All heavy atoms as atom14 arrays in JSON, in Angstrom:
{
  "sequence": "ILPKGLNEKTLNGIMNKIDSLEGKEFNIKEICELTEMSNVTIKKY",
  "atom14_mask": [
    [1, 1, 1, 1, 1, 1, 1, 1, 0, 0, 0, 0, 0, 0],
    [1, 1, 1, 1, 1, 1, 1, 1, 0, 0, 0, 0, 0, 0],
    [1, 1, 1, 1, 1, 1, 1, 0, 0, 0, 0, 0, 0, 0],
    [1, 1, 1, 1, 1, 1, 1, 1, 1, 0, 0, 0, 0, 0],
    [1, 1, 1, 1, 0, 0, 0, 0, 0, 0, 0, 0, 0, 0],
    [1, 1, 1, 1, 1, 1, 1, 1, 0, 0, 0, 0, 0, 0],
    [1, 1, 1, 1, 1, 1, 1, 1, 0, 0, 0, 0, 0, 0],
    [1, 1, 1, 1, 1, 1, 1, 1, 1, 0, 0, 0, 0, 0],
    [1, 1, 1, 1, 1, 1, 1, 1, 1, 0, 0, 0, 0, 0],
    [1, 1, 1, 1, 1, 1, 1, 0, 0, 0, 0, 0, 0, 0],
    [1, 1, 1, 1, 1, 1, 1, 1, 0, 0, 0, 0, 0, 0],
    [1, 1, 1, 1, 1, 1, 1, 1, 0, 0, 0, 0, 0, 0],
    [1, 1, 1, 1, 0, 0, 0, 0, 0, 0, 0, 0, 0, 0],
    [1, 1, 1, 1, 1, 1, 1, 1, 0, 0, 0, 0, 0, 0],
    [1, 1, 1, 1, 1, 1, 1, 1, 0, 0, 0, 0, 0, 0],
    [1, 1, 1, 1, 1, 1, 1, 1, 0, 0, 0, 0, 0, 0],
    [1, 1, 1, 1, 1, 1, 1, 1, 1, 0, 0, 0, 0, 0],
    [1, 1, 1, 1, 1, 1, 1, 1, 0, 0, 0, 0, 0, 0],
    [1, 1, 1, 1, 1, 1, 1, 1, 0, 0, 0, 0, 0, 0],
    [1, 1, 1, 1, 1, 1, 0, 0, 0, 0, 0, 0, 0, 0],
    [1, 1, 1, 1, 1, 1, 1, 1, 0, 0, 0, 0, 0, 0],
    [1, 1, 1, 1, 1, 1, 1, 1, 1, 0, 0, 0, 0, 0],
    [1, 1, 1, 1, 0, 0, 0, 0, 0, 0, 0, 0, 0, 0],
    [1, 1, 1, 1, 1, 1, 1, 1, 1, 0, 0, 0, 0, 0],
    [1, 1, 1, 1, 1, 1, 1, 1, 1, 0, 0, 0, 0, 0],
    [1, 1, 1, 1, 1, 1, 1, 1, 1, 1, 1, 0, 0, 0],
    [1, 1, 1, 1, 1, 1, 1, 1, 0, 0, 0, 0, 0, 0],
    [1, 1, 1, 1, 1, 1, 1, 1, 0, 0, 0, 0, 0, 0],
    [1, 1, 1, 1, 1, 1, 1, 1, 1, 0, 0, 0, 0, 0],
    [1, 1, 1, 1, 1, 1, 1, 1, 1, 0, 0, 0, 0, 0],
    [1, 1, 1, 1, 1, 1, 1, 1, 0, 0, 0, 0, 0, 0],
    [1, 1, 1, 1, 1, 1, 0, 0, 0, 0, 0, 0, 0, 0],
    [1, 1, 1, 1, 1, 1, 1, 1, 1, 0, 0, 0, 0, 0],
    [1, 1, 1, 1, 1, 1, 1, 1, 0, 0, 0, 0, 0, 0],
    [1, 1, 1, 1, 1, 1, 1, 0, 0, 0, 0, 0, 0, 0],
    [1, 1, 1, 1, 1, 1, 1, 1, 1, 0, 0, 0, 0, 0],
    [1, 1, 1, 1, 1, 1, 1, 1, 0, 0, 0, 0, 0, 0],
    [1, 1, 1, 1, 1, 1, 0, 0, 0, 0, 0, 0, 0, 0],
    [1, 1, 1, 1, 1, 1, 1, 1, 0, 0, 0, 0, 0, 0],
    [1, 1, 1, 1, 1, 1, 1, 0, 0, 0, 0, 0, 0, 0],
    [1, 1, 1, 1, 1, 1, 1, 0, 0, 0, 0, 0, 0, 0],
    [1, 1, 1, 1, 1, 1, 1, 1, 0, 0, 0, 0, 0, 0],
    [1, 1, 1, 1, 1, 1, 1, 1, 1, 0, 0, 0, 0, 0],
    [1, 1, 1, 1, 1, 1, 1, 1, 1, 0, 0, 0, 0, 0],
    [1, 1, 1, 1, 1, 1, 1, 1, 1, 1, 1, 1, 0, 0]
  ],
  "atom14_positions": [
    [[65.65, 24.79, 71.71], [66.69, 23.74, 71.24], [66.49, 22.58, 72.08], [65.96, 22.58, 73.23], [68.09, 24.37, 71.25], [68.44, 24.79, 72.6], [68.18, 25.53, 70.19], [69.85, 25.17, 72.81], [0.0, 0.0, 0.0], [0.0, 0.0, 0.0], [0.0, 0.0, 0.0], [0.0, 0.0, 0.0], [0.0, 0.0, 0.0], [0.0, 0.0, 0.0]],
    [[67.06, 21.46, 71.73], [67.05, 20.25, 72.41], [67.72, 20.5, 73.82], [68.74, 21.04, 73.82], [67.65, 19.05, 71.72], [66.89, 18.49, 70.63], [67.72, 17.51, 69.86], [65.57, 17.97, 70.9], [0.0, 0.0, 0.0], [0.0, 0.0, 0.0], [0.0, 0.0, 0.0], [0.0, 0.0, 0.0], [0.0, 0.0, 0.0], [0.0, 0.0, 0.0]],
    [[67.14, 19.86, 74.8], [67.83, 19.93, 76.12], [69.11, 19.19, 76.17], [69.34, 18.23, 75.34], [66.86, 19.25, 77.09], [65.48, 19.28, 76.4], [65.78, 19.21, 74.93], [0.0, 0.0, 0.0], [0.0, 0.0, 0.0], [0.0, 0.0, 0.0], [0.0, 0.0, 0.0], [0.0, 0.0, 0.0], [0.0, 0.0, 0.0], [0.0, 0.0, 0.0]],
    [[69.97, 19.52, 76.98], [71.37, 18.84, 77.12], [71.02, 17.33, 77.39], [70.17, 16.93, 78.14], [72.03, 19.38, 78.37], [73.42, 18.87, 78.55], [74.15, 19.44, 79.71], [75.56, 18.78, 79.79], [76.19, 19.45, 80.95], [0.0, 0.0, 0.0], [0.0, 0.0, 0.0], [0.0, 0.0, 0.0], [0.0, 0.0, 0.0], [0.0, 0.0, 0.0]],
    [[71.81, 16.59, 76.66], [71.76, 15.14, 76.79], [70.84, 14.47, 75.72], [70.87, 13.28, 75.53], [0.0, 0.0, 0.0], [0.0, 0.0, 0.0], [0.0, 0.0, 0.0], [0.0, 0.0, 0.0], [0.0, 0.0, 0.0], [0.0, 0.0, 0.0], [0.0, 0.0, 0.0], [0.0, 0.0, 0.0], [0.0, 0.0, 0.0], [0.0, 0.0, 0.0]],
    [[70.1, 15.24, 74.98], [69.24, 14.66, 73.86], [69.82, 14.94, 72.46], [70.43, 15.96, 72.29], [67.84, 15.24, 73.95], [66.99, 15.14, 75.12], [65.58, 15.56, 75.07], [66.98, 13.67, 75.63], [0.0, 0.0, 0.0], [0.0, 0.0, 0.0], [0.0, 0.0, 0.0], [0.0, 0.0, 0.0], [0.0, 0.0, 0.0], [0.0, 0.0, 0.0]],
    [[69.74, 13.94, 71.63], [70.34, 13.99, 70.38], [69.33, 14.0, 69.36], [68.31, 13.31, 69.33], [71.2, 12.67, 70.26], [71.91, 12.49, 69.0], [71.23, 12.16, 68.03], [73.15, 12.73, 68.86], [0.0, 0.0, 0.0], [0.0, 0.0, 0.0], [0.0, 0.0, 0.0], [0.0, 0.0, 0.0], [0.0, 0.0, 0.0], [0.0, 0.0, 0.0]],
    [[69.56, 14.78, 68.3], [68.6, 15.04, 67.24], [68.28, 13.74, 66.46], [67.07, 13.45, 66.15], [69.15, 16.11, 66.23], [68.19, 16.59, 65.23], [68.7, 17.81, 64.46], [69.43, 18.6, 65.03], [68.38, 17.78, 63.21], [0.0, 0.0, 0.0], [0.0, 0.0, 0.0], [0.0, 0.0, 0.0], [0.0, 0.0, 0.0], [0.0, 0.0, 0.0]],
    [[69.39, 12.95, 66.08], [69.13, 11.73, 65.39], [68.29, 10.78, 66.24], [67.49, 10.04, 65.7], [70.48, 11.12, 64.96], [71.05, 11.51, 63.65], [72.13, 10.68, 63.34], [72.57, 10.97, 61.87], [73.75, 10.23, 61.54], [0.0, 0.0, 0.0], [0.0, 0.0, 0.0], [0.0, 0.0, 0.0], [0.0, 0.0, 0.0], [0.0, 0.0, 0.0]],
    [[68.6, 10.64, 67.51], [67.97, 9.73, 68.31], [66.52, 10.12, 68.56], [65.56, 9.3, 68.31], [68.63, 9.59, 69.69], [69.96, 9.24, 69.51], [67.94, 8.6, 70.55], [0.0, 0.0, 0.0], [0.0, 0.0, 0.0], [0.0, 0.0, 0.0], [0.0, 0.0, 0.0], [0.0, 0.0, 0.0], [0.0, 0.0, 0.0], [0.0, 0.0, 0.0]],
    [[66.22, 11.34, 68.63], [64.89, 11.78, 68.83], [64.07, 11.63, 67.51], [62.9, 11.14, 67.54], [64.84, 13.4, 69.13], [63.51, 14.04, 69.26], [62.72, 13.44, 70.36], [63.68, 15.47, 69.57], [0.0, 0.0, 0.0], [0.0, 0.0, 0.0], [0.0, 0.0, 0.0], [0.0, 0.0, 0.0], [0.0, 0.0, 0.0], [0.0, 0.0, 0.0]],
    [[64.66, 11.96, 66.36], [63.95, 11.56, 65.1], [63.61, 10.07, 64.93], [62.56, 9.74, 64.5], [64.78, 12.11, 63.86], [64.4, 13.42, 63.46], [63.38, 13.9, 63.66], [65.44, 14.15, 63.03], [0.0, 0.0, 0.0], [0.0, 0.0, 0.0], [0.0, 0.0, 0.0], [0.0, 0.0, 0.0], [0.0, 0.0, 0.0], [0.0, 0.0, 0.0]],
    [[64.55, 9.24, 65.29], [64.3, 7.77, 65.29], [63.15, 7.44, 66.22], [62.31, 6.55, 65.75], [0.0, 0.0, 0.0], [0.0, 0.0, 0.0], [0.0, 0.0, 0.0], [0.0, 0.0, 0.0], [0.0, 0.0, 0.0], [0.0, 0.0, 0.0], [0.0, 0.0, 0.0], [0.0, 0.0, 0.0], [0.0, 0.0, 0.0], [0.0, 0.0, 0.0]],
    [[63.16, 7.94, 67.43], [62.05, 7.57, 68.31], [60.7, 8.17, 67.78], [59.69, 7.43, 67.86], [62.44, 8.14, 69.74], [63.47, 7.46, 70.33], [61.15, 8.11, 70.64], [64.09, 7.99, 71.62], [0.0, 0.0, 0.0], [0.0, 0.0, 0.0], [0.0, 0.0, 0.0], [0.0, 0.0, 0.0], [0.0, 0.0, 0.0], [0.0, 0.0, 0.0]],
    [[60.71, 9.35, 67.35], [59.45, 9.9, 66.65], [58.95, 9.03, 65.52], [57.78, 8.91, 65.36], [59.77, 11.33, 66.27], [59.84, 12.15, 67.5], [60.5, 13.94, 67.12], [59.04, 14.51, 66.28], [0.0, 0.0, 0.0], [0.0, 0.0, 0.0], [0.0, 0.0, 0.0], [0.0, 0.0, 0.0], [0.0, 0.0, 0.0], [0.0, 0.0, 0.0]],
    [[59.89, 8.67, 64.77], [59.49, 7.71, 63.61], [58.89, 6.47, 64.06], [57.88, 6.0, 63.52], [60.68, 7.34, 62.67], [61.12, 8.61, 61.81], [60.3, 9.47, 61.59], [62.33, 8.69, 61.52], [0.0, 0.0, 0.0], [0.0, 0.0, 0.0], [0.0, 0.0, 0.0], [0.0, 0.0, 0.0], [0.0, 0.0, 0.0], [0.0, 0.0, 0.0]],
    [[59.36, 5.81, 65.12], [58.74, 4.6, 65.67], [57.48, 4.94, 66.27], [56.46, 4.11, 66.08], [59.62, 4.09, 66.8], [61.07, 3.52, 66.3], [60.82, 2.5, 65.24], [62.21, 1.97, 64.86], [62.15, 1.04, 63.68], [0.0, 0.0, 0.0], [0.0, 0.0, 0.0], [0.0, 0.0, 0.0], [0.0, 0.0, 0.0], [0.0, 0.0, 0.0]],
    [[57.28, 6.04, 66.98], [55.94, 6.45, 67.58], [54.89, 6.65, 66.32], [53.83, 6.08, 66.41], [56.05, 7.7, 68.35], [56.89, 7.39, 69.67], [54.68, 8.33, 68.74], [57.26, 8.61, 70.48], [0.0, 0.0, 0.0], [0.0, 0.0, 0.0], [0.0, 0.0, 0.0], [0.0, 0.0, 0.0], [0.0, 0.0, 0.0], [0.0, 0.0, 0.0]],
    [[55.46, 7.28, 65.25], [54.51, 7.52, 64.2], [54.08, 6.1, 63.56], [52.99, 6.08, 63.01], [55.19, 8.33, 63.08], [55.35, 9.79, 63.52], [54.66, 10.15, 64.48], [56.2, 10.52, 62.83], [0.0, 0.0, 0.0], [0.0, 0.0, 0.0], [0.0, 0.0, 0.0], [0.0, 0.0, 0.0], [0.0, 0.0, 0.0], [0.0, 0.0, 0.0]],
    [[54.96, 5.08, 63.57], [54.73, 3.91, 62.89], [53.56, 3.04, 63.7], [53.05, 2.15, 63.15], [55.9, 3.06, 62.76], [56.24, 2.42, 64.08], [0.0, 0.0, 0.0], [0.0, 0.0, 0.0], [0.0, 0.0, 0.0], [0.0, 0.0, 0.0], [0.0, 0.0, 0.0], [0.0, 0.0, 0.0], [0.0, 0.0, 0.0], [0.0, 0.0, 0.0]],
    [[53.34, 3.64, 64.89], [52.28, 2.91, 65.82], [50.79, 3.37, 65.32], [49.91, 2.89, 65.85], [52.48, 3.08, 67.1], [53.84, 2.47, 67.77], [54.05, 2.95, 69.17], [53.76, 0.99, 67.6], [0.0, 0.0, 0.0], [0.0, 0.0, 0.0], [0.0, 0.0, 0.0], [0.0, 0.0, 0.0], [0.0, 0.0, 0.0], [0.0, 0.0, 0.0]],
    [[50.66, 4.42, 64.51], [49.51, 4.91, 63.91], [48.38, 5.22, 65.01], [47.31, 4.8, 64.89], [49.02, 3.91, 62.9], [49.85, 3.62, 61.8], [49.48, 2.47, 60.8], [48.44, 1.77, 61.17], [50.01, 2.52, 59.7], [0.0, 0.0, 0.0], [0.0, 0.0, 0.0], [0.0, 0.0, 0.0], [0.0, 0.0, 0.0], [0.0, 0.0, 0.0]],
    [[48.89, 5.93, 66.07], [47.93, 6.42, 66.93], [47.59, 5.5, 68.15], [46.73, 5.76, 69.03], [0.0, 0.0, 0.0], [0.0, 0.0, 0.0], [0.0, 0.0, 0.0], [0.0, 0.0, 0.0], [0.0, 0.0, 0.0], [0.0, 0.0, 0.0], [0.0, 0.0, 0.0], [0.0, 0.0, 0.0], [0.0, 0.0, 0.0], [0.0, 0.0, 0.0]],
    [[48.17, 4.26, 68.08], [47.89, 3.26, 69.17], [48.71, 3.68, 70.51], [49.69, 4.32, 70.36], [48.37, 1.97, 68.84], [47.69, 1.23, 67.62], [48.11, -0.18, 67.35], [48.09, -0.37, 65.85], [48.92, -1.39, 65.54], [0.0, 0.0, 0.0], [0.0, 0.0, 0.0], [0.0, 0.0, 0.0], [0.0, 0.0, 0.0], [0.0, 0.0, 0.0]],
    [[48.17, 3.35, 71.62], [48.86, 3.62, 72.91], [50.04, 2.71, 72.91], [50.04, 1.54, 72.42], [47.91, 3.38, 74.02], [46.85, 4.4, 74.25], [46.06, 4.22, 75.5], [46.05, 3.09, 76.11], [45.57, 5.15, 75.97], [0.0, 0.0, 0.0], [0.0, 0.0, 0.0], [0.0, 0.0, 0.0], [0.0, 0.0, 0.0], [0.0, 0.0, 0.0]],
    [[51.17, 3.15, 73.66], [52.22, 2.33, 73.76], [52.93, 2.64, 75.14], [52.59, 3.63, 75.76], [53.33, 2.74, 72.75], [53.67, 4.19, 72.56], [54.79, 4.55, 73.38], [52.94, 5.08, 71.8], [55.13, 5.98, 73.25], [53.31, 6.41, 71.8], [54.32, 6.8, 72.43], [0.0, 0.0, 0.0], [0.0, 0.0, 0.0], [0.0, 0.0, 0.0]],
    [[53.68, 1.72, 75.54], [54.5, 1.98, 76.93], [56.07, 1.99, 76.61], [56.42, 1.82, 75.4], [54.18, 0.87, 77.99], [54.46, -0.58, 77.42], [55.43, -0.74, 76.76], [53.72, -1.42, 77.81], [0.0, 0.0, 0.0], [0.0, 0.0, 0.0], [0.0, 0.0, 0.0], [0.0, 0.0, 0.0], [0.0, 0.0, 0.0], [0.0, 0.0, 0.0]],
    [[56.75, 2.42, 77.6], [58.23, 2.44, 77.39], [58.82, 1.18, 76.98], [59.62, 1.13, 75.95], [58.88, 2.96, 78.68], [58.38, 4.28, 79.09], [60.41, 2.91, 78.66], [58.93, 4.82, 80.49], [0.0, 0.0, 0.0], [0.0, 0.0, 0.0], [0.0, 0.0, 0.0], [0.0, 0.0, 0.0], [0.0, 0.0, 0.0], [0.0, 0.0, 0.0]],
    [[58.41, -0.02, 77.39], [59.0, -1.15, 76.99], [58.83, -1.43, 75.53], [59.81, -1.96, 74.86], [58.36, -2.31, 77.78], [58.89, -3.8, 77.53], [58.23, -4.77, 78.26], [58.77, -6.14, 77.96], [58.1, -7.21, 78.6], [0.0, 0.0, 0.0], [0.0, 0.0, 0.0], [0.0, 0.0, 0.0], [0.0, 0.0, 0.0], [0.0, 0.0, 0.0]],
    [[57.64, -1.14, 74.93], [57.41, -1.33, 73.48], [58.38, -0.51, 72.72], [58.89, -0.92, 71.68], [55.97, -1.02, 73.17], [55.01, -2.02, 73.82], [53.57, -1.53, 73.79], [53.29, -0.41, 73.82], [52.7, -2.5, 73.64], [0.0, 0.0, 0.0], [0.0, 0.0, 0.0], [0.0, 0.0, 0.0], [0.0, 0.0, 0.0], [0.0, 0.0, 0.0]],
    [[58.5, 0.75, 73.07], [59.4, 1.58, 72.34], [60.86, 1.18, 72.53], [61.7, 1.24, 71.55], [59.34, 3.16, 72.76], [57.87, 3.66, 72.5], [60.27, 4.07, 72.14], [57.46, 3.65, 70.98], [0.0, 0.0, 0.0], [0.0, 0.0, 0.0], [0.0, 0.0, 0.0], [0.0, 0.0, 0.0], [0.0, 0.0, 0.0], [0.0, 0.0, 0.0]],
    [[61.16, 0.66, 73.69], [62.56, 0.12, 74.01], [62.79, -1.04, 72.9], [63.98, -1.15, 72.41], [62.8, -0.37, 75.39], [62.96, 0.95, 76.56], [0.0, 0.0, 0.0], [0.0, 0.0, 0.0], [0.0, 0.0, 0.0], [0.0, 0.0, 0.0], [0.0, 0.0, 0.0], [0.0, 0.0, 0.0], [0.0, 0.0, 0.0], [0.0, 0.0, 0.0]],
    [[61.85, -1.79, 72.7], [62.05, -3.05, 71.86], [62.15, -2.51, 70.41], [62.96, -3.08, 69.56], [60.9, -3.99, 72.0], [60.96, -4.7, 73.38], [59.63, -5.53, 73.7], [58.79, -5.58, 72.9], [59.73, -6.18, 74.89], [0.0, 0.0, 0.0], [0.0, 0.0, 0.0], [0.0, 0.0, 0.0], [0.0, 0.0, 0.0], [0.0, 0.0, 0.0]],
    [[61.43, -1.58, 70.05], [61.38, -1.09, 68.71], [62.76, -0.41, 68.33], [63.22, -0.49, 67.21], [60.2, -0.09, 68.35], [58.86, -0.72, 68.28], [57.76, 0.32, 68.27], [58.63, -1.62, 67.12], [0.0, 0.0, 0.0], [0.0, 0.0, 0.0], [0.0, 0.0, 0.0], [0.0, 0.0, 0.0], [0.0, 0.0, 0.0], [0.0, 0.0, 0.0]],
    [[63.32, 0.32, 69.26], [64.43, 1.13, 69.02], [65.8, 0.54, 69.49], [66.79, 0.92, 69.16], [64.32, 2.49, 69.78], [64.14, 2.22, 71.1], [63.12, 3.3, 69.19], [0.0, 0.0, 0.0], [0.0, 0.0, 0.0], [0.0, 0.0, 0.0], [0.0, 0.0, 0.0], [0.0, 0.0, 0.0], [0.0, 0.0, 0.0], [0.0, 0.0, 0.0]],
    [[65.66, -0.53, 70.27], [66.88, -1.29, 70.94], [67.59, -0.31, 71.79], [68.78, -0.27, 71.76], [67.67, -1.78, 69.84], [66.94, -2.97, 69.12], [67.75, -3.59, 68.03], [68.85, -3.19, 67.67], [67.2, -4.54, 67.31], [0.0, 0.0, 0.0], [0.0, 0.0, 0.0], [0.0, 0.0, 0.0], [0.0, 0.0, 0.0], [0.0, 0.0, 0.0]],
    [[66.88, 0.55, 72.5], [67.49, 1.46, 73.49], [67.07, 1.21, 74.93], [66.09, 0.43, 75.12], [67.11, 2.93, 73.11], [67.57, 3.42, 71.75], [67.12, 5.08, 71.63], [67.25, 5.14, 69.8], [0.0, 0.0, 0.0], [0.0, 0.0, 0.0], [0.0, 0.0, 0.0], [0.0, 0.0, 0.0], [0.0, 0.0, 0.0], [0.0, 0.0, 0.0]],
    [[67.67, 1.69, 75.95], [67.48, 1.38, 77.27], [66.25, 2.27, 77.77], [65.81, 3.15, 77.16], [68.65, 1.73, 78.25], [68.69, 3.18, 78.29], [0.0, 0.0, 0.0], [0.0, 0.0, 0.0], [0.0, 0.0, 0.0], [0.0, 0.0, 0.0], [0.0, 0.0, 0.0], [0.0, 0.0, 0.0], [0.0, 0.0, 0.0], [0.0, 0.0, 0.0]],
    [[65.61, 1.65, 78.78], [64.41, 2.29, 79.48], [64.68, 3.72, 79.81], [63.93, 4.62, 79.61], [63.97, 1.52, 80.65], [63.37, 0.22, 80.44], [63.28, -0.21, 79.21], [62.81, -0.49, 81.45], [0.0, 0.0, 0.0], [0.0, 0.0, 0.0], [0.0, 0.0, 0.0], [0.0, 0.0, 0.0], [0.0, 0.0, 0.0], [0.0, 0.0, 0.0]],
    [[65.85, 3.87, 80.43], [66.26, 5.26, 80.87], [66.33, 6.24, 79.8], [65.84, 7.39, 79.78], [67.65, 5.2, 81.63], [68.07, 6.59, 82.05], [67.46, 4.36, 82.92], [0.0, 0.0, 0.0], [0.0, 0.0, 0.0], [0.0, 0.0, 0.0], [0.0, 0.0, 0.0], [0.0, 0.0, 0.0], [0.0, 0.0, 0.0], [0.0, 0.0, 0.0]],
    [[66.95, 5.87, 78.63], [67.1, 6.69, 77.51], [65.72, 7.0, 76.9], [65.39, 8.24, 76.68], [68.01, 5.92, 76.48], [69.31, 5.77, 76.93], [68.04, 6.73, 75.14], [0.0, 0.0, 0.0], [0.0, 0.0, 0.0], [0.0, 0.0, 0.0], [0.0, 0.0, 0.0], [0.0, 0.0, 0.0], [0.0, 0.0, 0.0], [0.0, 0.0, 0.0]],
    [[64.88, 6.01, 76.65], [63.58, 6.23, 76.25], [62.77, 7.15, 77.09], [62.12, 7.97, 76.59], [62.85, 4.9, 75.98], [63.66, 4.17, 74.82], [61.47, 5.14, 75.61], [63.68, 4.8, 73.48], [0.0, 0.0, 0.0], [0.0, 0.0, 0.0], [0.0, 0.0, 0.0], [0.0, 0.0, 0.0], [0.0, 0.0, 0.0], [0.0, 0.0, 0.0]],
    [[62.84, 6.95, 78.4], [62.06, 7.79, 79.27], [62.43, 9.23, 79.09], [61.55, 10.11, 79.23], [62.31, 7.33, 80.8], [61.48, 8.12, 81.8], [60.01, 7.98, 81.66], [59.41, 8.71, 82.83], [58.03, 9.3, 82.5], [0.0, 0.0, 0.0], [0.0, 0.0, 0.0], [0.0, 0.0, 0.0], [0.0, 0.0, 0.0], [0.0, 0.0, 0.0]],
    [[63.71, 9.56, 78.99], [64.23, 10.86, 78.84], [63.51, 11.57, 77.57], [63.08, 12.59, 77.68], [65.79, 11.05, 78.65], [66.45, 10.95, 79.93], [67.95, 11.38, 79.69], [68.59, 10.58, 78.57], [70.03, 10.84, 78.5], [0.0, 0.0, 0.0], [0.0, 0.0, 0.0], [0.0, 0.0, 0.0], [0.0, 0.0, 0.0], [0.0, 0.0, 0.0]],
    [[63.59, 10.88, 76.48], [63.04, 11.31, 75.27], [61.49, 11.39, 75.27], [60.98, 12.36, 74.79], [63.41, 10.43, 74.05], [64.9, 10.75, 73.71], [65.95, 10.02, 74.17], [65.23, 11.65, 72.78], [67.2, 10.33, 73.84], [66.52, 12.02, 72.35], [67.55, 11.36, 72.98], [68.78, 11.63, 72.52], [0.0, 0.0, 0.0], [0.0, 0.0, 0.0]]
  ]
}
């Protein structure tokens, strides 16, 4: 099951953004901009 502090909807949203990159490399900042979430949150996921 998901570790404490991780949310299923948030995880699905992040995974969808990663999938939209079509295999390209990315960094935390890029995912933060795509999801409008903080660095700390994105790093946990």
